[in-house]
Amino acid sequence: MIKRSIIDFTATSILLTGLVIVASASELGRVQVGLASVYSGGSTASGEHSSPKELTAAHRFLPFGTMVRVTSRSTGRSVVVRINDRGPYVRGRVIDLTPVAASALGLSGLESVSLKVVGPS
């Protein structure tokens, strides 16, 4: 079992300290807040081709296949996406969304969001 103090580290802290967390999505802290951004195209870290028309996203450490509810903190709109890539690697950003997922939130640039793990795929 993972100690709660480790779960509260940010992904950046984990990378900087060299800690490796191997855990199921249910063992991780279930809510995360930060900025969402939009990305599309190319291969993903999971080996899939990223399609701008699929409800998928990149997250630094959630396991591939994890389903996450992304909610805009300004509008309350939400969308469920499947994690299939790694990133974003920009400070303060917690998730990169495909264009269709961003559109569901009304996102055109950066948006403050909350993430809640809703389960494995």
N, C-alpha and C. Protein backbone atom coordinates (compact mmCIF):
# COMPACT_ATOMS: atom_id res chain seq x y z
N MET A 1 0.84 -1.18 0.00
CA MET A 1 0.00 0.00 0.00
C MET A 1 0.88 1.24 0.00
N ILE A 2 0.45 2.28 -0.68
CA ILE A 2 1.20 3.52 -0.77
C ILE A 2 0.76 4.45 0.34
N LYS A 3 1.75 5.08 0.99
CA LYS A 3 1.42 6.02 2.06
C LYS A 3 0.77 7.26 1.48
N ARG A 4 -0.12 7.85 2.21
CA ARG A 4 -0.85 9.04 1.76
C ARG A 4 0.11 10.19 1.46
N SER A 5 1.18 10.34 2.23
CA SER A 5 2.10 11.45 2.00
C SER A 5 2.75 11.36 0.63
N ILE A 6 2.99 10.17 0.13
CA ILE A 6 3.56 10.00 -1.20
C ILE A 6 2.51 10.35 -2.25
N ILE A 7 1.28 9.98 -2.03
CA ILE A 7 0.21 10.25 -2.99
C ILE A 7 0.02 11.75 -3.17
N ASP A 8 0.24 12.54 -2.14
CA ASP A 8 0.03 13.98 -2.22
C ASP A 8 1.13 14.71 -2.98
N PHE A 9 2.24 14.05 -3.29
CA PHE A 9 3.29 14.69 -4.10
C PHE A 9 2.76 15.00 -5.48
N THR A 10 3.25 16.06 -6.07
CA THR A 10 2.92 16.34 -7.46
C THR A 10 3.77 15.44 -8.33
N ALA A 11 3.38 15.26 -9.58
CA ALA A 11 4.16 14.45 -10.50
C ALA A 11 5.55 15.02 -10.66
N THR A 12 5.68 16.35 -10.64
CA THR A 12 6.99 16.99 -10.76
C THR A 12 7.87 16.59 -9.58
N SER A 13 7.31 16.60 -8.38
CA SER A 13 8.09 16.20 -7.20
C SER A 13 8.53 14.75 -7.31
N ILE A 14 7.66 13.91 -7.80
CA ILE A 14 7.99 12.50 -7.96
C ILE A 14 9.15 12.34 -8.94
N LEU A 15 9.10 13.06 -10.06
CA LEU A 15 10.17 12.97 -11.04
C LEU A 15 11.48 13.50 -10.48
N LEU A 16 11.43 14.61 -9.75
CA LEU A 16 12.65 15.21 -9.23
C LEU A 16 13.30 14.38 -8.14
N THR A 17 12.50 13.71 -7.32
CA THR A 17 13.07 12.92 -6.23
C THR A 17 13.40 11.50 -6.66
N GLY A 18 12.99 11.12 -7.86
CA GLY A 18 13.30 9.79 -8.36
C GLY A 18 12.41 8.70 -7.81
N LEU A 19 11.33 9.06 -7.14
CA LEU A 19 10.42 8.06 -6.63
C LEU A 19 9.66 7.42 -7.79
N VAL A 20 9.38 6.16 -7.66
CA VAL A 20 8.58 5.47 -8.67
C VAL A 20 7.34 4.96 -7.98
N ILE A 21 6.20 5.31 -8.53
CA ILE A 21 4.93 4.84 -7.96
C ILE A 21 4.30 3.89 -8.96
N VAL A 22 4.07 2.69 -8.54
CA VAL A 22 3.35 1.72 -9.36
C VAL A 22 2.09 1.41 -8.58
N ALA A 23 0.99 1.90 -9.07
CA ALA A 23 -0.26 1.76 -8.32
C ALA A 23 -1.42 1.74 -9.28
N SER A 24 -2.50 1.15 -8.83
CA SER A 24 -3.72 1.21 -9.62
C SER A 24 -4.33 2.58 -9.40
N ALA A 25 -5.21 2.99 -10.31
CA ALA A 25 -5.84 4.30 -10.22
C ALA A 25 -6.59 4.46 -8.90
N SER A 26 -7.16 3.38 -8.37
CA SER A 26 -7.92 3.48 -7.13
C SER A 26 -7.04 3.78 -5.93
N GLU A 27 -5.73 3.52 -6.01
CA GLU A 27 -4.82 3.80 -4.91
C GLU A 27 -4.31 5.23 -4.92
N LEU A 28 -4.47 5.92 -6.01
CA LEU A 28 -4.01 7.29 -6.11
C LEU A 28 -5.04 8.23 -5.52
N GLY A 29 -4.61 9.44 -5.15
CA GLY A 29 -5.55 10.45 -4.70
C GLY A 29 -6.57 10.67 -5.81
N ARG A 30 -7.82 10.71 -5.47
CA ARG A 30 -8.85 10.71 -6.51
C ARG A 30 -9.17 12.08 -7.09
N VAL A 31 -8.74 13.17 -6.49
CA VAL A 31 -9.04 14.49 -7.04
C VAL A 31 -7.75 15.28 -7.21
N GLN A 32 -7.61 15.92 -8.36
CA GLN A 32 -6.44 16.75 -8.66
C GLN A 32 -6.94 18.02 -9.33
N VAL A 33 -6.31 19.15 -9.02
CA VAL A 33 -6.71 20.44 -9.58
C VAL A 33 -5.51 21.07 -10.28
N GLY A 34 -5.75 21.68 -11.42
CA GLY A 34 -4.69 22.36 -12.15
C GLY A 34 -5.21 22.84 -13.49
N LEU A 35 -4.29 23.12 -14.40
CA LEU A 35 -4.65 23.62 -15.72
C LEU A 35 -4.73 22.49 -16.74
N ALA A 36 -5.72 22.58 -17.60
CA ALA A 36 -5.84 21.68 -18.74
C ALA A 36 -5.45 22.44 -19.99
N SER A 37 -4.87 21.73 -20.95
CA SER A 37 -4.53 22.32 -22.23
C SER A 37 -4.98 21.37 -23.33
N VAL A 38 -4.87 21.82 -24.57
CA VAL A 38 -5.33 21.04 -25.72
C VAL A 38 -4.13 20.55 -26.52
N TYR A 39 -4.18 19.30 -26.97
CA TYR A 39 -3.13 18.78 -27.84
C TYR A 39 -3.75 17.78 -28.80
N SER A 40 -3.03 17.45 -29.86
CA SER A 40 -3.53 16.44 -30.80
C SER A 40 -2.42 15.94 -31.70
N GLY A 41 -2.68 14.79 -32.30
CA GLY A 41 -1.78 14.25 -33.33
C GLY A 41 -0.65 13.40 -32.79
N GLY A 42 -0.15 12.55 -33.68
CA GLY A 42 1.03 11.76 -33.38
C GLY A 42 0.77 10.51 -32.59
N SER A 43 1.86 9.80 -32.33
CA SER A 43 1.80 8.59 -31.53
C SER A 43 1.75 8.96 -30.05
N THR A 44 1.19 8.07 -29.26
CA THR A 44 1.12 8.30 -27.82
C THR A 44 2.09 7.37 -27.11
N ALA A 45 2.32 7.62 -25.85
CA ALA A 45 3.21 6.79 -25.04
C ALA A 45 2.66 5.37 -24.89
N SER A 46 1.35 5.21 -25.05
CA SER A 46 0.75 3.88 -24.95
C SER A 46 0.86 3.10 -26.26
N GLY A 47 1.33 3.77 -27.32
CA GLY A 47 1.47 3.10 -28.62
C GLY A 47 0.30 3.36 -29.56
N GLU A 48 -0.76 3.98 -29.05
CA GLU A 48 -1.91 4.32 -29.89
C GLU A 48 -1.58 5.56 -30.72
N HIS A 49 -2.32 5.73 -31.80
CA HIS A 49 -2.25 6.98 -32.55
C HIS A 49 -3.27 7.92 -31.93
N SER A 50 -2.86 9.13 -31.63
CA SER A 50 -3.76 10.10 -31.02
C SER A 50 -4.71 10.66 -32.07
N SER A 51 -5.99 10.51 -31.80
CA SER A 51 -7.01 11.05 -32.71
C SER A 51 -7.67 12.25 -32.05
N PRO A 52 -7.74 13.39 -32.77
CA PRO A 52 -8.37 14.58 -32.19
C PRO A 52 -9.87 14.41 -31.97
N LYS A 53 -10.44 13.32 -32.50
CA LYS A 53 -11.89 13.09 -32.38
C LYS A 53 -12.25 12.07 -31.30
N GLU A 54 -11.28 11.62 -30.52
CA GLU A 54 -11.54 10.66 -29.44
C GLU A 54 -11.43 11.35 -28.09
N LEU A 55 -12.19 10.86 -27.12
CA LEU A 55 -12.16 11.43 -25.77
C LEU A 55 -11.00 10.79 -24.99
N THR A 56 -9.78 11.24 -25.32
CA THR A 56 -8.59 10.74 -24.66
C THR A 56 -7.77 11.91 -24.15
N ALA A 57 -6.76 11.58 -23.33
CA ALA A 57 -5.96 12.64 -22.71
C ALA A 57 -4.59 12.12 -22.30
N ALA A 58 -3.70 13.06 -22.00
CA ALA A 58 -2.38 12.74 -21.48
C ALA A 58 -2.31 13.17 -20.02
N HIS A 59 -1.76 12.29 -19.19
CA HIS A 59 -1.56 12.58 -17.78
C HIS A 59 -0.18 12.05 -17.40
N ARG A 60 0.48 12.69 -16.46
CA ARG A 60 1.86 12.31 -16.14
C ARG A 60 2.01 10.92 -15.55
N PHE A 61 1.09 10.50 -14.68
CA PHE A 61 1.34 9.24 -14.00
C PHE A 61 0.16 8.30 -13.84
N LEU A 62 -1.06 8.70 -14.18
CA LEU A 62 -2.18 7.76 -14.08
C LEU A 62 -1.97 6.63 -15.09
N PRO A 63 -2.31 5.42 -14.73
CA PRO A 63 -2.12 4.28 -15.63
C PRO A 63 -2.93 4.45 -16.93
N PHE A 64 -2.37 3.96 -18.03
CA PHE A 64 -3.10 3.97 -19.29
C PHE A 64 -4.42 3.23 -19.11
N GLY A 65 -5.46 3.76 -19.74
CA GLY A 65 -6.79 3.15 -19.63
C GLY A 65 -7.63 3.71 -18.51
N THR A 66 -7.04 4.49 -17.61
CA THR A 66 -7.80 5.08 -16.51
C THR A 66 -8.82 6.07 -17.07
N MET A 67 -10.03 5.99 -16.57
CA MET A 67 -11.09 6.91 -16.97
C MET A 67 -11.15 8.04 -15.94
N VAL A 68 -11.12 9.28 -16.44
CA VAL A 68 -11.05 10.45 -15.57
C VAL A 68 -12.14 11.44 -15.97
N ARG A 69 -12.88 11.93 -14.97
CA ARG A 69 -13.85 13.01 -15.21
C ARG A 69 -13.11 14.33 -15.05
N VAL A 70 -13.10 15.13 -16.11
CA VAL A 70 -12.46 16.44 -16.11
C VAL A 70 -13.58 17.47 -16.04
N THR A 71 -13.52 18.34 -15.04
CA THR A 71 -14.57 19.34 -14.83
C THR A 71 -13.97 20.73 -14.85
N SER A 72 -14.55 21.60 -15.67
CA SER A 72 -14.12 23.00 -15.72
C SER A 72 -14.53 23.66 -14.41
N ARG A 73 -13.60 24.32 -13.78
CA ARG A 73 -13.90 24.98 -12.51
C ARG A 73 -14.66 26.28 -12.72
N SER A 74 -14.64 26.82 -13.94
CA SER A 74 -15.36 28.08 -14.17
C SER A 74 -16.79 27.86 -14.67
N THR A 75 -17.02 26.79 -15.44
CA THR A 75 -18.36 26.57 -15.98
C THR A 75 -19.09 25.39 -15.37
N GLY A 76 -18.36 24.48 -14.75
CA GLY A 76 -18.98 23.28 -14.19
C GLY A 76 -19.21 22.17 -15.21
N ARG A 77 -18.91 22.44 -16.49
CA ARG A 77 -19.07 21.41 -17.53
C ARG A 77 -18.02 20.33 -17.33
N SER A 78 -18.39 19.08 -17.65
CA SER A 78 -17.44 17.99 -17.47
C SER A 78 -17.49 17.01 -18.63
N VAL A 79 -16.41 16.22 -18.75
CA VAL A 79 -16.30 15.20 -19.78
C VAL A 79 -15.45 14.07 -19.19
N VAL A 80 -15.75 12.84 -19.58
CA VAL A 80 -14.94 11.69 -19.14
C VAL A 80 -14.01 11.32 -20.28
N VAL A 81 -12.72 11.22 -19.96
CA VAL A 81 -11.69 10.87 -20.95
C VAL A 81 -10.92 9.64 -20.48
N ARG A 82 -10.27 8.99 -21.44
CA ARG A 82 -9.42 7.82 -21.15
C ARG A 82 -7.97 8.25 -21.31
N ILE A 83 -7.15 7.93 -20.31
CA ILE A 83 -5.73 8.27 -20.36
C ILE A 83 -5.01 7.30 -21.30
N ASN A 84 -4.35 7.86 -22.33
CA ASN A 84 -3.60 7.02 -23.27
C ASN A 84 -2.23 7.60 -23.62
N ASP A 85 -1.82 8.65 -22.90
CA ASP A 85 -0.54 9.28 -23.22
C ASP A 85 0.06 9.88 -21.95
N ARG A 86 1.32 10.28 -22.02
CA ARG A 86 2.02 10.94 -20.91
C ARG A 86 2.15 12.43 -21.20
N GLY A 87 2.20 13.20 -20.16
CA GLY A 87 2.30 14.65 -20.27
C GLY A 87 1.17 15.25 -19.48
N PRO A 88 1.00 16.51 -19.47
CA PRO A 88 1.86 17.55 -20.01
C PRO A 88 3.07 17.76 -19.10
N TYR A 89 4.12 18.30 -19.67
CA TYR A 89 5.33 18.53 -18.90
C TYR A 89 5.60 20.02 -18.73
N VAL A 90 4.53 20.78 -18.58
CA VAL A 90 4.61 22.22 -18.33
C VAL A 90 4.09 22.46 -16.91
N ARG A 91 4.84 23.19 -16.12
CA ARG A 91 4.48 23.42 -14.71
C ARG A 91 3.04 23.95 -14.59
N GLY A 92 2.29 23.36 -13.67
CA GLY A 92 0.93 23.80 -13.40
C GLY A 92 -0.13 23.09 -14.22
N ARG A 93 0.25 22.48 -15.31
CA ARG A 93 -0.71 21.76 -16.15
C ARG A 93 -0.81 20.32 -15.66
N VAL A 94 -2.05 19.83 -15.55
CA VAL A 94 -2.26 18.49 -15.03
C VAL A 94 -2.75 17.51 -16.09
N ILE A 95 -3.29 18.02 -17.21
CA ILE A 95 -3.82 17.14 -18.23
C ILE A 95 -3.82 17.84 -19.58
N ASP A 96 -3.54 17.07 -20.62
CA ASP A 96 -3.68 17.53 -22.00
C ASP A 96 -4.88 16.81 -22.59
N LEU A 97 -5.80 17.54 -23.18
CA LEU A 97 -7.03 16.97 -23.74
C LEU A 97 -7.01 17.01 -25.26
N THR A 98 -7.64 16.04 -25.90
CA THR A 98 -7.82 16.09 -27.34
C THR A 98 -8.80 17.22 -27.66
N PRO A 99 -8.80 17.70 -28.90
CA PRO A 99 -9.71 18.80 -29.26
C PRO A 99 -11.18 18.51 -28.97
N VAL A 100 -11.65 17.30 -29.20
CA VAL A 100 -13.07 17.01 -28.95
C VAL A 100 -13.38 17.04 -27.45
N ALA A 101 -12.47 16.58 -26.62
CA ALA A 101 -12.68 16.64 -25.17
C ALA A 101 -12.65 18.08 -24.68
N ALA A 102 -11.71 18.86 -25.21
CA ALA A 102 -11.62 20.28 -24.85
C ALA A 102 -12.88 21.02 -25.28
N SER A 103 -13.39 20.69 -26.45
CA SER A 103 -14.60 21.32 -26.96
C SER A 103 -15.80 21.02 -26.05
N ALA A 104 -15.86 19.81 -25.52
CA ALA A 104 -16.96 19.44 -24.62
C ALA A 104 -16.95 20.30 -23.36
N LEU A 105 -15.77 20.78 -22.98
CA LEU A 105 -15.66 21.67 -21.81
C LEU A 105 -15.81 23.14 -22.18
N GLY A 106 -15.80 23.44 -23.48
CA GLY A 106 -15.81 24.82 -23.93
C GLY A 106 -14.43 25.45 -23.83
N LEU A 107 -13.40 24.60 -23.84
CA LEU A 107 -12.02 25.03 -23.67
C LEU A 107 -11.41 25.40 -25.01
N SER A 108 -10.76 26.57 -25.07
CA SER A 108 -10.08 26.95 -26.30
C SER A 108 -8.60 27.21 -26.05
N GLY A 109 -8.20 27.33 -24.82
CA GLY A 109 -6.80 27.55 -24.46
C GLY A 109 -6.48 26.78 -23.20
N LEU A 110 -6.16 27.49 -22.14
CA LEU A 110 -5.94 26.87 -20.84
C LEU A 110 -7.17 27.07 -19.98
N GLU A 111 -7.45 26.10 -19.13
CA GLU A 111 -8.63 26.17 -18.27
C GLU A 111 -8.31 25.51 -16.94
N SER A 112 -8.75 26.11 -15.85
CA SER A 112 -8.62 25.49 -14.54
C SER A 112 -9.65 24.36 -14.44
N VAL A 113 -9.16 23.17 -14.10
CA VAL A 113 -10.03 22.00 -14.05
C VAL A 113 -9.77 21.20 -12.78
N SER A 114 -10.71 20.33 -12.47
CA SER A 114 -10.48 19.32 -11.44
C SER A 114 -10.61 17.97 -12.13
N LEU A 115 -9.79 17.02 -11.69
CA LEU A 115 -9.80 15.67 -12.23
C LEU A 115 -10.26 14.71 -11.16
N LYS A 116 -11.12 13.80 -11.54
CA LYS A 116 -11.55 12.75 -10.61
C LYS A 116 -11.49 11.43 -11.33
N VAL A 117 -10.74 10.49 -10.78
CA VAL A 117 -10.65 9.15 -11.35
C VAL A 117 -12.01 8.49 -11.16
N VAL A 118 -12.58 8.01 -12.26
CA VAL A 118 -13.88 7.33 -12.17
C VAL A 118 -13.74 5.84 -12.41
N GLY A 119 -12.57 5.38 -12.78
CA GLY A 119 -12.34 3.94 -12.88
C GLY A 119 -11.40 3.56 -14.00
N PRO A 120 -11.06 2.28 -14.05
CA PRO A 120 -10.25 1.78 -15.17
C PRO A 120 -11.14 1.66 -16.40
N SER A 121 -10.50 1.50 -17.55
CA SER A 121 -11.29 1.41 -18.80
C SER A 121 -12.09 0.13 -18.84
